[in-house]
């Protein structure tokens, strides 16, 4: 769902992975949030929607390796 002016930029999974790689981060976990998840679970449709990645909300956890060697 597009809700201007709240969304300034939209990223897909491929773009997020590329940005993380370019900035020295590694992707740990990526998940999507679906509207009406509770209802989809009750109707046993949650798996289908998650597999299709039909959502505009993405949560990303990334890790940046830190060089602990003294310079």
N, C-alpha and C. Protein backbone atom coordinates (compact mmCIF):
# COMPACT_ATOMS: atom_id res chain seq x y z
N UNK A 1 0.86 -1.16 0.00
CA UNK A 1 0.00 0.00 0.00
C UNK A 1 0.90 1.23 0.00
N UNK A 2 0.69 2.10 -0.91
CA UNK A 2 1.47 3.32 -1.00
C UNK A 2 0.81 4.42 -0.19
N UNK A 3 1.57 5.02 0.70
CA UNK A 3 1.01 6.06 1.56
C UNK A 3 1.89 7.31 1.47
N UNK A 4 1.80 8.09 0.41
CA UNK A 4 2.59 9.32 0.35
C UNK A 4 2.11 10.28 1.42
N UNK A 5 2.90 11.13 1.98
CA UNK A 5 4.33 11.31 1.72
C UNK A 5 5.22 10.53 2.68
N UNK A 6 4.70 9.51 3.35
CA UNK A 6 5.51 8.77 4.32
C UNK A 6 6.63 7.97 3.68
N UNK A 7 6.38 7.37 2.54
CA UNK A 7 7.40 6.59 1.86
C UNK A 7 8.16 7.49 0.89
N UNK A 8 9.44 7.63 1.12
CA UNK A 8 10.26 8.47 0.25
C UNK A 8 10.93 7.61 -0.81
N UNK A 9 11.40 6.43 -0.42
CA UNK A 9 12.09 5.52 -1.33
C UNK A 9 11.59 4.11 -1.07
N UNK A 10 11.46 3.34 -2.11
CA UNK A 10 11.08 1.94 -1.99
C UNK A 10 12.26 1.06 -2.38
N UNK A 11 12.56 0.07 -1.57
CA UNK A 11 13.65 -0.85 -1.84
C UNK A 11 13.10 -2.26 -1.95
N UNK A 12 13.63 -3.03 -2.88
CA UNK A 12 13.29 -4.44 -2.92
C UNK A 12 14.44 -5.22 -2.28
N UNK A 13 14.27 -6.52 -2.13
CA UNK A 13 15.28 -7.34 -1.44
C UNK A 13 16.63 -7.28 -2.14
N UNK A 14 16.63 -7.26 -3.46
CA UNK A 14 17.88 -7.22 -4.21
C UNK A 14 18.61 -5.89 -3.97
N UNK A 15 17.89 -4.79 -3.97
CA UNK A 15 18.50 -3.48 -3.74
C UNK A 15 19.06 -3.38 -2.32
N UNK A 16 18.34 -3.90 -1.35
CA UNK A 16 18.82 -3.87 0.04
C UNK A 16 20.12 -4.66 0.15
N UNK A 17 20.16 -5.85 -0.42
CA UNK A 17 21.37 -6.68 -0.37
C UNK A 17 22.55 -5.96 -1.02
N UNK A 18 22.32 -5.30 -2.13
CA UNK A 18 23.38 -4.57 -2.83
C UNK A 18 23.88 -3.39 -1.99
N UNK A 19 22.96 -2.63 -1.40
CA UNK A 19 23.36 -1.50 -0.56
C UNK A 19 24.15 -1.96 0.66
N UNK A 20 23.71 -3.04 1.27
CA UNK A 20 24.44 -3.56 2.43
C UNK A 20 25.85 -3.98 2.03
N UNK A 21 25.97 -4.68 0.92
CA UNK A 21 27.27 -5.13 0.44
C UNK A 21 28.19 -3.95 0.14
N UNK A 22 27.66 -2.93 -0.50
CA UNK A 22 28.46 -1.75 -0.86
C UNK A 22 28.95 -0.97 0.36
N UNK A 23 28.26 -1.10 1.47
CA UNK A 23 28.63 -0.34 2.66
C UNK A 23 29.30 -1.20 3.73
N UNK A 24 29.67 -2.43 3.36
CA UNK A 24 30.42 -3.28 4.27
C UNK A 24 29.60 -4.05 5.27
N UNK A 25 28.31 -4.18 5.03
CA UNK A 25 27.44 -4.95 5.92
C UNK A 25 27.13 -6.30 5.30
N UNK A 26 26.83 -7.26 6.15
CA UNK A 26 26.35 -8.55 5.65
C UNK A 26 24.94 -8.77 6.17
N UNK A 27 24.09 -9.27 5.33
CA UNK A 27 22.69 -9.50 5.68
C UNK A 27 22.58 -10.66 6.65
N UNK A 28 21.97 -10.43 7.78
CA UNK A 28 21.74 -11.47 8.77
C UNK A 28 20.35 -12.08 8.58
N UNK A 29 19.34 -11.24 8.58
CA UNK A 29 17.96 -11.71 8.46
C UNK A 29 17.14 -10.67 7.72
N UNK A 30 16.22 -11.15 6.89
CA UNK A 30 15.28 -10.26 6.23
C UNK A 30 13.90 -10.91 6.33
N UNK A 31 12.93 -10.15 6.72
CA UNK A 31 11.57 -10.68 6.79
C UNK A 31 10.60 -9.61 6.32
N UNK A 32 9.41 -10.04 5.98
CA UNK A 32 8.38 -9.11 5.55
C UNK A 32 7.22 -9.16 6.52
N UNK A 33 6.52 -8.05 6.63
CA UNK A 33 5.33 -7.97 7.46
C UNK A 33 4.13 -7.90 6.53
N UNK A 34 3.15 -8.68 6.82
CA UNK A 34 1.96 -8.72 5.99
C UNK A 34 0.80 -8.04 6.70
N UNK A 35 -0.03 -7.33 5.95
CA UNK A 35 -1.23 -6.77 6.56
C UNK A 35 -2.17 -7.89 6.97
N UNK A 36 -2.81 -7.73 8.10
CA UNK A 36 -3.80 -8.70 8.58
C UNK A 36 -3.21 -10.10 8.78
N UNK A 37 -2.00 -10.16 9.36
CA UNK A 37 -1.34 -11.46 9.55
C UNK A 37 -2.17 -12.41 10.39
N UNK A 38 -2.81 -11.92 11.42
CA UNK A 38 -3.61 -12.79 12.29
C UNK A 38 -4.73 -13.47 11.49
N UNK A 39 -5.39 -12.70 10.65
CA UNK A 39 -6.46 -13.26 9.82
C UNK A 39 -5.91 -14.28 8.83
N UNK A 40 -4.80 -13.95 8.20
CA UNK A 40 -4.19 -14.88 7.25
C UNK A 40 -3.77 -16.18 7.92
N UNK A 41 -3.31 -16.09 9.18
CA UNK A 41 -2.95 -17.30 9.93
C UNK A 41 -4.18 -18.15 10.19
N UNK A 42 -5.27 -17.51 10.61
CA UNK A 42 -6.51 -18.25 10.89
C UNK A 42 -7.05 -18.93 9.64
N UNK A 43 -6.87 -18.29 8.49
CA UNK A 43 -7.35 -18.87 7.23
C UNK A 43 -6.32 -19.81 6.59
N UNK A 44 -5.21 -20.02 7.28
CA UNK A 44 -4.13 -20.90 6.79
C UNK A 44 -3.60 -20.43 5.44
N UNK A 45 -3.52 -19.11 5.25
CA UNK A 45 -3.01 -18.55 4.00
C UNK A 45 -1.68 -17.83 4.18
N UNK A 46 -1.20 -17.78 5.42
CA UNK A 46 0.00 -17.00 5.70
C UNK A 46 1.21 -17.50 4.91
N UNK A 47 1.35 -18.80 4.77
CA UNK A 47 2.49 -19.37 4.05
C UNK A 47 2.53 -18.95 2.59
N UNK A 48 1.36 -18.92 1.96
CA UNK A 48 1.27 -18.53 0.55
C UNK A 48 1.69 -17.07 0.38
N UNK A 49 1.14 -16.20 1.23
CA UNK A 49 1.45 -14.77 1.12
C UNK A 49 2.92 -14.49 1.42
N UNK A 50 3.48 -15.18 2.43
CA UNK A 50 4.90 -14.97 2.75
C UNK A 50 5.78 -15.47 1.61
N UNK A 51 5.42 -16.60 1.00
CA UNK A 51 6.20 -17.12 -0.12
C UNK A 51 6.18 -16.16 -1.31
N UNK A 52 5.05 -15.52 -1.52
CA UNK A 52 4.94 -14.57 -2.63
C UNK A 52 5.54 -13.20 -2.29
N UNK A 53 5.87 -13.00 -1.01
CA UNK A 53 6.45 -11.73 -0.53
C UNK A 53 5.58 -10.54 -0.92
N UNK A 54 4.29 -10.67 -0.67
CA UNK A 54 3.34 -9.61 -0.99
C UNK A 54 3.22 -8.63 0.18
N UNK A 55 4.18 -7.76 0.30
CA UNK A 55 4.15 -6.78 1.38
C UNK A 55 5.00 -5.58 1.01
N UNK A 56 4.69 -4.45 1.62
CA UNK A 56 5.50 -3.25 1.41
C UNK A 56 6.38 -2.96 2.63
N UNK A 57 6.40 -3.87 3.60
CA UNK A 57 7.17 -3.67 4.81
C UNK A 57 8.24 -4.75 4.91
N UNK A 58 9.47 -4.31 5.08
CA UNK A 58 10.58 -5.24 5.18
C UNK A 58 11.40 -4.88 6.42
N UNK A 59 11.76 -5.89 7.19
CA UNK A 59 12.62 -5.69 8.34
C UNK A 59 13.95 -6.37 8.02
N UNK A 60 15.03 -5.62 8.16
CA UNK A 60 16.36 -6.12 7.80
C UNK A 60 17.28 -5.99 9.00
N UNK A 61 17.99 -7.08 9.29
CA UNK A 61 19.03 -7.06 10.30
C UNK A 61 20.34 -7.34 9.59
N UNK A 62 21.31 -6.47 9.80
CA UNK A 62 22.60 -6.61 9.13
C UNK A 62 23.71 -6.45 10.16
N UNK A 63 24.88 -6.94 9.78
CA UNK A 63 26.04 -6.87 10.67
C UNK A 63 27.20 -6.26 9.90
N UNK A 64 27.92 -5.37 10.57
CA UNK A 64 29.11 -4.79 9.97
C UNK A 64 30.32 -5.35 10.71
N UNK A 65 31.21 -5.94 9.96
CA UNK A 65 32.43 -6.49 10.57
C UNK A 65 33.31 -5.32 10.97
N UNK A 66 33.81 -5.37 12.19
CA UNK A 66 34.64 -4.31 12.72
C UNK A 66 36.07 -4.80 12.80
N UNK A 67 36.99 -4.01 12.29
CA UNK A 67 38.41 -4.35 12.35
C UNK A 67 38.94 -3.96 13.73
N UNK A 68 39.32 -4.93 14.54
CA UNK A 68 39.79 -4.65 15.89
C UNK A 68 41.31 -4.56 15.97
N UNK A 69 41.98 -4.69 14.84
CA UNK A 69 43.44 -4.58 14.81
C UNK A 69 43.84 -3.12 15.01
N UNK A 70 44.83 -2.87 15.89
CA UNK A 70 45.31 -1.48 16.05
C UNK A 70 46.02 -1.01 14.79
N UNK A 71 45.90 0.27 14.53
CA UNK A 71 46.53 0.83 13.32
C UNK A 71 47.83 1.49 13.66
